[in-house]
Structure formats: C-alpha cells, structure tokens
Amino acid sequence: MTPHWISRPEAIRRLWIAFGLILAATVLAELATHRHAAIGIDAVFGFHAWFGFGACVALVLLARLLGFALKRRDDFYER
C-alpha cells in the first residue's frame, strides 16, 4: 500500500513552499492597498500578519497552560 500523498517528503516540502509563497504574496499585497487605520498600530506594514502569528502563539501557550491545569492521572477514574 502506498502512503498517502500528503505524507510523502516531497509533497510536504512543496506544501511548505506553497504556503510560504502565499504568505509572502498576502503581505506584499498590502503595498497595493491603502490602509485606513482604526488605531495607530494597525497602520504598520505587515501588522495583520504578525498580529495573527502572535495570536496563534498566544493561543497555543494558553492551551498548554490549560492542559497542565486540567491534566489528571491516567487512573483518575479507576482508583
């Protein structure tokens, strides 16, 4: 049985390249638009990209903290 196409190393490399190009294109597309800043900091070039990245990092860290706080032993219900 052949592995699924997405688990092949060459497919993973191509996906990383494609996602990187899409990210770069969306950030560079900001040069062609006129931004109307609602607050001062959102007028900075690439604000939405780094804000989204920061929000994802914060959510992952929050999820890890919740995991530590809510973690129970494997035999919690069988004691």
PDB file of N, CA and C in Angstrom:
ATOM      1  N   MET A   1       0.846  -1.179   0.000  1.00  0.00           N
ATOM      2  CA  MET A   1       0.000   0.000   0.000  1.00  0.00           C
ATOM      3  C   MET A   1       0.896   1.247   0.000  1.00  0.00           C
ATOM      4  N   THR A   2       0.629   2.144  -0.906  1.00  0.00           N
ATOM      5  CA  THR A   2       1.429   3.367  -0.994  1.00  0.00           C
ATOM      6  C   THR A   2       0.958   4.380   0.038  1.00  0.00           C
ATOM      7  N   PRO A   3       1.890   5.166   0.564  1.00  0.00           N
ATOM      8  CA  PRO A   3       1.486   6.181   1.551  1.00  0.00           C
ATOM      9  C   PRO A   3       0.646   7.273   0.894  1.00  0.00           C
ATOM     10  N   HIS A   4      -0.163   7.898   1.711  1.00  0.00           N
ATOM     11  CA  HIS A   4      -0.995   8.998   1.235  1.00  0.00           C
ATOM     12  C   HIS A   4      -0.091  10.095   0.695  1.00  0.00           C
ATOM     13  N   TRP A   5      -0.552  10.841  -0.301  1.00  0.00           N
ATOM     14  CA  TRP A   5       0.291  11.830  -0.969  1.00  0.00           C
ATOM     15  C   TRP A   5       0.792  12.901  -0.012  1.00  0.00           C
ATOM     16  N   ILE A   6       0.015  13.211   1.005  1.00  0.00           N
ATOM     17  CA  ILE A   6       0.415  14.309   1.891  1.00  0.00           C
ATOM     18  C   ILE A   6       1.495  13.882   2.885  1.00  0.00           C
ATOM     19  N   SER A   7       1.730  12.584   3.030  1.00  0.00           N
ATOM     20  CA  SER A   7       2.764  12.134   3.963  1.00  0.00           C
ATOM     21  C   SER A   7       4.106  11.881   3.279  1.00  0.00           C
ATOM     22  N   ARG A   8       4.174  12.095   1.984  1.00  0.00           N
ATOM     23  CA  ARG A   8       5.449  11.938   1.273  1.00  0.00           C
ATOM     24  C   ARG A   8       6.314  13.181   1.497  1.00  0.00           C
ATOM     25  N   PRO A   9       7.616  12.996   1.694  1.00  0.00           N
ATOM     26  CA  PRO A   9       8.503  14.145   1.974  1.00  0.00           C
ATOM     27  C   PRO A   9       8.502  15.210   0.879  1.00  0.00           C
ATOM     28  N   GLU A  10       8.442  14.814  -0.386  1.00  0.00           N
ATOM     29  CA  GLU A  10       8.453  15.830  -1.449  1.00  0.00           C
ATOM     30  C   GLU A  10       7.159  16.641  -1.456  1.00  0.00           C
ATOM     31  N   ALA A  11       6.041  16.018  -1.077  1.00  0.00           N
ATOM     32  CA  ALA A  11       4.775  16.751  -1.007  1.00  0.00           C
ATOM     33  C   ALA A  11       4.783  17.731   0.163  1.00  0.00           C
ATOM     34  N   ILE A  12       5.355  17.310   1.284  1.00  0.00           N
ATOM     35  CA  ILE A  12       5.442  18.197   2.445  1.00  0.00           C
ATOM     36  C   ILE A  12       6.306  19.405   2.114  1.00  0.00           C
ATOM     37  N   ARG A  13       7.411  19.196   1.434  1.00  0.00           N
ATOM     38  CA  ARG A  13       8.286  20.305   1.034  1.00  0.00           C
ATOM     39  C   ARG A  13       7.565  21.253   0.087  1.00  0.00           C
ATOM     40  N   ARG A  14       6.843  20.701  -0.881  1.00  0.00           N
ATOM     41  CA  ARG A  14       6.099  21.557  -1.818  1.00  0.00           C
ATOM     42  C   ARG A  14       5.010  22.354  -1.114  1.00  0.00           C
ATOM     43  N   LEU A  15       4.341  21.746  -0.141  1.00  0.00           N
ATOM     44  CA  LEU A  15       3.314  22.466   0.608  1.00  0.00           C
ATOM     45  C   LEU A  15       3.912  23.605   1.412  1.00  0.00           C
ATOM     46  N   TRP A  16       5.058  23.392   2.074  1.00  0.00           N
ATOM     47  CA  TRP A  16       5.721  24.466   2.815  1.00  0.00           C
ATOM     48  C   TRP A  16       6.087  25.615   1.892  1.00  0.00           C
ATOM     49  N   ILE A  17       6.609  25.279   0.707  1.00  0.00           N
ATOM     50  CA  ILE A  17       6.972  26.320  -0.255  1.00  0.00           C
ATOM     51  C   ILE A  17       5.728  27.073  -0.722  1.00  0.00           C
ATOM     52  N   ALA A  18       4.663  26.338  -1.030  1.00  0.00           N
ATOM     53  CA  ALA A  18       3.429  26.978  -1.492  1.00  0.00           C
ATOM     54  C   ALA A  18       2.836  27.883  -0.419  1.00  0.00           C
ATOM     55  N   PHE A  19       2.791  27.409   0.830  1.00  0.00           N
ATOM     56  CA  PHE A  19       2.241  28.229   1.902  1.00  0.00           C
ATOM     57  C   PHE A  19       3.107  29.455   2.169  1.00  0.00           C
ATOM     58  N   GLY A  20       4.426  29.302   2.064  1.00  0.00           N
ATOM     59  CA  GLY A  20       5.322  30.441   2.228  1.00  0.00           C
ATOM     60  C   GLY A  20       5.116  31.486   1.147  1.00  0.00           C
ATOM     61  N   LEU A  21       4.942  31.025  -0.093  1.00  0.00           N
ATOM     62  CA  LEU A  21       4.692  31.961  -1.195  1.00  0.00           C
ATOM     63  C   LEU A  21       3.350  32.675  -1.024  1.00  0.00           C
ATOM     64  N   ILE A  22       2.340  31.948  -0.581  1.00  0.00           N
ATOM     65  CA  ILE A  22       1.025  32.570  -0.351  1.00  0.00           C
ATOM     66  C   ILE A  22       1.122  33.605   0.756  1.00  0.00           C
ATOM     67  N   LEU A  23       1.833  33.283   1.834  1.00  0.00           N
ATOM     68  CA  LEU A  23       2.013  34.245   2.920  1.00  0.00           C
ATOM     69  C   LEU A  23       2.745  35.489   2.443  1.00  0.00           C
ATOM     70  N   ALA A  24       3.823  35.290   1.686  1.00  0.00           N
ATOM     71  CA  ALA A  24       4.578  36.426   1.166  1.00  0.00           C
ATOM     72  C   ALA A  24       3.716  37.270   0.229  1.00  0.00           C
ATOM     73  N   ALA A  25       2.902  36.623  -0.600  1.00  0.00           N
ATOM     74  CA  ALA A  25       2.036  37.354  -1.530  1.00  0.00           C
ATOM     75  C   ALA A  25       0.995  38.181  -0.784  1.00  0.00           C
ATOM     76  N   THR A  26       0.436  37.630   0.283  1.00  0.00           N
ATOM     77  CA  THR A  26      -0.576  38.388   1.024  1.00  0.00           C
ATOM     78  C   THR A  26       0.037  39.567   1.768  1.00  0.00           C
ATOM     79  N   VAL A  27       1.268  39.396   2.267  1.00  0.00           N
ATOM     80  CA  VAL A  27       1.924  40.519   2.940  1.00  0.00           C
ATOM     81  C   VAL A  27       2.313  41.581   1.917  1.00  0.00           C
ATOM     82  N   LEU A  28       2.832  41.155   0.771  1.00  0.00           N
ATOM     83  CA  LEU A  28       3.208  42.117  -0.262  1.00  0.00           C
ATOM     84  C   LEU A  28       1.991  42.803  -0.893  1.00  0.00           C
ATOM     85  N   ALA A  29       0.835  42.151  -0.865  1.00  0.00           N
ATOM     86  CA  ALA A  29      -0.378  42.767  -1.396  1.00  0.00           C
ATOM     87  C   ALA A  29      -0.764  44.003  -0.599  1.00  0.00           C
ATOM     88  N   GLU A  30      -0.245  44.086   0.609  1.00  0.00           N
ATOM     89  CA  GLU A  30      -0.506  45.267   1.429  1.00  0.00           C
ATOM     90  C   GLU A  30       0.087  46.524   0.810  1.00  0.00           C
ATOM     91  N   LEU A  31       1.103  46.369  -0.019  1.00  0.00           N
ATOM     92  CA  LEU A  31       1.709  47.526  -0.684  1.00  0.00           C
ATOM     93  C   LEU A  31       0.761  48.148  -1.711  1.00  0.00           C
ATOM     94  N   ALA A  32      -0.148  47.348  -2.249  1.00  0.00           N
ATOM     95  CA  ALA A  32      -1.050  47.822  -3.294  1.00  0.00           C
ATOM     96  C   ALA A  32      -2.367  48.364  -2.740  1.00  0.00           C
ATOM     97  N   THR A  33      -2.539  48.338  -1.446  1.00  0.00           N
ATOM     98  CA  THR A  33      -3.790  48.808  -0.857  1.00  0.00           C
ATOM     99  C   THR A  33      -3.529  50.028   0.017  1.00  0.00           C
ATOM    100  N   HIS A  34      -4.569  50.795   0.207  1.00  0.00           N
ATOM    101  CA  HIS A  34      -4.497  51.934   1.114  1.00  0.00           C
ATOM    102  C   HIS A  34      -5.175  51.527   2.411  1.00  0.00           C
ATOM    103  N   ARG A  35      -4.422  51.564   3.488  1.00  0.00           N
ATOM    104  CA  ARG A  35      -4.952  51.132   4.780  1.00  0.00           C
ATOM    105  C   ARG A  35      -5.537  52.327   5.525  1.00  0.00           C
ATOM    106  N   HIS A  36      -6.703  52.117   6.092  1.00  0.00           N
ATOM    107  CA  HIS A  36      -7.335  53.109   6.952  1.00  0.00           C
ATOM    108  C   HIS A  36      -7.216  52.589   8.379  1.00  0.00           C
ATOM    109  N   ALA A  37      -6.311  53.142   9.128  1.00  0.00           N
ATOM    110  CA  ALA A  37      -6.037  52.647  10.470  1.00  0.00           C
ATOM    111  C   ALA A  37      -7.118  53.088  11.447  1.00  0.00           C
ATOM    112  N   ALA A  38      -7.670  52.109  12.152  1.00  0.00           N
ATOM    113  CA  ALA A  38      -8.645  52.417  13.193  1.00  0.00           C
ATOM    114  C   ALA A  38      -7.939  52.843  14.471  1.00  0.00           C
ATOM    115  N   ILE A  39      -6.823  52.204  14.759  1.00  0.00           N
ATOM    116  CA  ILE A  39      -5.966  52.608  15.865  1.00  0.00           C
ATOM    117  C   ILE A  39      -4.582  52.828  15.271  1.00  0.00           C
ATOM    118  N   GLY A  40      -3.675  53.395  15.988  1.00  0.00           N
ATOM    119  CA  GLY A  40      -2.395  53.785  15.419  1.00  0.00           C
ATOM    120  C   GLY A  40      -1.528  52.633  14.928  1.00  0.00           C
ATOM    121  N   ILE A  41      -1.495  51.538  15.661  1.00  0.00           N
ATOM    122  CA  ILE A  41      -0.542  50.477  15.349  1.00  0.00           C
ATOM    123  C   ILE A  41      -0.942  49.665  14.125  1.00  0.00           C
ATOM    124  N   ASP A  42      -2.204  49.629  13.769  1.00  0.00           N
ATOM    125  CA  ASP A  42      -2.601  48.816  12.614  1.00  0.00           C
ATOM    126  C   ASP A  42      -2.257  49.468  11.281  1.00  0.00           C
ATOM    127  N   ALA A  43      -1.603  50.606  11.300  1.00  0.00           N
ATOM    128  CA  ALA A  43      -1.110  51.218  10.068  1.00  0.00           C
ATOM    129  C   ALA A  43       0.296  50.720   9.717  1.00  0.00           C
ATOM    130  N   VAL A  44       0.923  49.973  10.629  1.00  0.00           N
ATOM    131  CA  VAL A  44       2.259  49.444  10.401  1.00  0.00           C
ATOM    132  C   VAL A  44       2.200  48.368   9.322  1.00  0.00           C
ATOM    133  N   PHE A  45       3.213  48.375   8.432  1.00  0.00           N
ATOM    134  CA  PHE A  45       3.253  47.383   7.354  1.00  0.00           C
ATOM    135  C   PHE A  45       3.359  45.972   7.934  1.00  0.00           C
ATOM    136  N   GLY A  46       2.519  45.076   7.474  1.00  0.00           N
ATOM    137  CA  GLY A  46       2.524  43.685   7.914  1.00  0.00           C
ATOM    138  C   GLY A  46       1.868  43.462   9.262  1.00  0.00           C
ATOM    139  N   PHE A  47       1.126  44.445   9.755  1.00  0.00           N
ATOM    140  CA  PHE A  47       0.510  44.333  11.079  1.00  0.00           C
ATOM    141  C   PHE A  47      -0.367  43.094  11.196  1.00  0.00           C
ATOM    142  N   HIS A  48      -1.202  42.864  10.208  1.00  0.00           N
ATOM    143  CA  HIS A  48      -2.146  41.743  10.298  1.00  0.00           C
ATOM    144  C   HIS A  48      -1.427  40.405  10.292  1.00  0.00           C
ATOM    145  N   ALA A  49      -0.316  40.312   9.591  1.00  0.00           N
ATOM    146  CA  ALA A  49       0.454  39.064   9.566  1.00  0.00           C
ATOM    147  C   ALA A  49       1.082  38.788  10.923  1.00  0.00           C
ATOM    148  N   TRP A  50       1.777  39.774  11.488  1.00  0.00           N
ATOM    149  CA  TRP A  50       2.422  39.488  12.775  1.00  0.00           C
ATOM    150  C   TRP A  50       1.430  39.438  13.918  1.00  0.00           C
ATOM    151  N   PHE A  51       0.324  40.164  13.821  1.00  0.00           N
ATOM    152  CA  PHE A  51      -0.701  40.077  14.856  1.00  0.00           C
ATOM    153  C   PHE A  51      -1.351  38.698  14.843  1.00  0.00           C
ATOM    154  N   GLY A  52      -1.642  38.171  13.656  1.00  0.00           N
ATOM    155  CA  GLY A  52      -2.211  36.829  13.555  1.00  0.00           C
ATOM    156  C   GLY A  52      -1.254  35.773  14.065  1.00  0.00           C
ATOM    157  N   PHE A  53       0.039  35.908  13.739  1.00  0.00           N
ATOM    158  CA  PHE A  53       1.035  34.964  14.234  1.00  0.00           C
ATOM    159  C   PHE A  53       1.129  35.034  15.761  1.00  0.00           C
ATOM    160  N   GLY A  54       1.148  36.236  16.283  1.00  0.00           N
ATOM    161  CA  GLY A  54       1.205  36.398  17.739  1.00  0.00           C
ATOM    162  C   GLY A  54      -0.020  35.838  18.439  1.00  0.00           C
ATOM    163  N   ALA A  55      -1.185  36.021  17.828  1.00  0.00           N
ATOM    164  CA  ALA A  55      -2.411  35.475  18.406  1.00  0.00           C
ATOM    165  C   ALA A  55      -2.374  33.951  18.413  1.00  0.00           C
ATOM    166  N   CYS A  56      -1.858  33.341  17.350  1.00  0.00           N
ATOM    167  CA  CYS A  56      -1.741  31.879  17.307  1.00  0.00           C
ATOM    168  C   CYS A  56      -0.784  31.375  18.373  1.00  0.00           C
ATOM    169  N   VAL A  57       0.345  32.054  18.536  1.00  0.00           N
ATOM    170  CA  VAL A  57       1.309  31.660  19.569  1.00  0.00           C
ATOM    171  C   VAL A  57       0.676  31.779  20.952  1.00  0.00           C
ATOM    172  N   ALA A  58      -0.057  32.855  21.186  1.00  0.00           N
ATOM    173  CA  ALA A  58      -0.716  33.044  22.480  1.00  0.00           C
ATOM    174  C   ALA A  58      -1.754  31.949  22.742  1.00  0.00           C
ATOM    175  N   LEU A  59      -2.500  31.570  21.712  1.00  0.00           N
ATOM    176  CA  LEU A  59      -3.493  30.512  21.895  1.00  0.00           C
ATOM    177  C   LEU A  59      -2.847  29.169  22.187  1.00  0.00           C
ATOM    178  N   VAL A  60      -1.745  28.876  21.521  1.00  0.00           N
ATOM    179  CA  VAL A  60      -1.049  27.611  21.791  1.00  0.00           C
ATOM    180  C   VAL A  60      -0.518  27.601  23.216  1.00  0.00           C
ATOM    181  N   LEU A  61       0.083  28.701  23.658  1.00  0.00           N
ATOM    182  CA  LEU A  61       0.594  28.765  25.028  1.00  0.00           C
ATOM    183  C   LEU A  61      -0.532  28.657  26.049  1.00  0.00           C
ATOM    184  N   LEU A  62      -1.645  29.307  25.788  1.00  0.00           N
ATOM    185  CA  LEU A  62      -2.805  29.212  26.680  1.00  0.00           C
ATOM    186  C   LEU A  62      -3.337  27.784  26.739  1.00  0.00           C
ATOM    187  N   ALA A  63      -3.376  27.104  25.596  1.00  0.00           N
ATOM    188  CA  ALA A  63      -3.846  25.723  25.572  1.00  0.00           C
ATOM    189  C   ALA A  63      -2.910  24.812  26.365  1.00  0.00           C
ATOM    190  N   ARG A  64      -1.608  25.069  26.271  1.00  0.00           N
ATOM    191  CA  ARG A  64      -0.656  24.252  27.047  1.00  0.00           C
ATOM    192  C   ARG A  64      -0.833  24.502  28.539  1.00  0.00           C
ATOM    193  N   LEU A  65      -1.038  25.752  28.925  1.00  0.00           N
ATOM    194  CA  LEU A  65      -1.277  26.048  30.340  1.00  0.00           C
ATOM    195  C   LEU A  65      -2.552  25.385  30.836  1.00  0.00           C
ATOM    196  N   LEU A  66      -3.600  25.432  30.030  1.00  0.00           N
ATOM    197  CA  LEU A  66      -4.843  24.761  30.403  1.00  0.00           C
ATOM    198  C   LEU A  66      -4.643  23.253  30.505  1.00  0.00           C
ATOM    199  N   GLY A  67      -3.837  22.704  29.608  1.00  0.00           N
ATOM    200  CA  GLY A  67      -3.547  21.276  29.659  1.00  0.00           C
ATOM    201  C   GLY A  67      -2.866  20.894  30.960  1.00  0.00           C
ATOM    202  N   PHE A  68      -1.917  21.705  31.408  1.00  0.00           N
ATOM    203  CA  PHE A  68      -1.256  21.425  32.683  1.00  0.00           C
ATOM    204  C   PHE A  68      -2.228  21.577  33.853  1.00  0.00           C
ATOM    205  N   ALA A  69      -3.110  22.566  33.792  1.00  0.00           N
ATOM    206  CA  ALA A  69      -4.035  22.806  34.886  1.00  0.00           C
ATOM    207  C   ALA A  69      -5.122  21.739  34.966  1.00  0.00           C
ATOM    208  N   LEU A  70      -5.550  21.223  33.836  1.00  0.00           N
ATOM    209  CA  LEU A  70      -6.662  20.270  33.811  1.00  0.00           C
ATOM    210  C   LEU A  70      -6.215  18.816  33.718  1.00  0.00           C
ATOM    211  N   LYS A  71      -4.914  18.582  33.667  1.00  0.00           N
ATOM    212  CA  LYS A  71      -4.401  17.227  33.495  1.00  0.00           C
ATOM    213  C   LYS A  71      -4.705  16.373  34.715  1.00  0.00           C
ATOM    214  N   ARG A  72      -5.112  15.139  34.462  1.00  0.00           N
ATOM    215  CA  ARG A  72      -5.354  14.166  35.511  1.00  0.00           C
ATOM    216  C   ARG A  72      -4.513  12.931  35.240  1.00  0.00           C
ATOM    217  N   ARG A  73      -4.283  12.151  36.255  1.00  0.00           N
ATOM    218  CA  ARG A  73      -3.539  10.920  36.062  1.00  0.00           C
ATOM    219  C   ARG A  73      -4.358   9.940  35.224  1.00  0.00           C
ATOM    220  N   ASP A  74      -3.677   8.968  34.622  1.00  0.00           N
ATOM    221  CA  ASP A  74      -4.363   8.002  33.760  1.00  0.00           C
ATOM    222  C   ASP A  74      -5.376   7.151  34.523  1.00  0.00           C
ATOM    223  N   ASP A  75      -5.136   6.915  35.790  1.00  0.00           N
ATOM    224  CA  ASP A  75      -6.066   6.088  36.567  1.00  0.00           C
ATOM    225  C   ASP A  75      -7.019   6.921  37.415  1.00  0.00           C
ATOM    226  N   PHE A  76      -7.310   8.125  36.978  1.00  0.00           N
ATOM    227  CA  PHE A  76      -8.149   9.044  37.758  1.00  0.00           C
ATOM    228  C   PHE A  76      -9.524   8.456  38.064  1.00  0.00           C
ATOM    229  N   TYR A  77     -10.158   7.804  37.075  1.00  0.00           N
ATOM    230  CA  TYR A  77     -11.499   7.273  37.269  1.00  0.00           C
ATOM    231  C   TYR A  77     -11.495   5.845  37.778  1.00  0.00           C
ATOM    232  N   GLU A  78     -10.352   5.188  37.833  1.00  0.00           N
ATOM    233  CA  GLU A  78     -10.303   3.785  38.231  1.00  0.00           C
ATOM    234  C   GLU A  78      -9.690   3.578  39.597  1.00  0.00           C
ATOM    235  N   ARG A  79      -9.524   4.633  40.366  1.00  0.00           N
ATOM    236  CA  ARG A  79      -8.950   4.475  41.696  1.00  0.00           C
ATOM    237  C   ARG A  79      -9.924   3.835  42.644  1.00  0.00           C
TER     238      ARG A  79
END
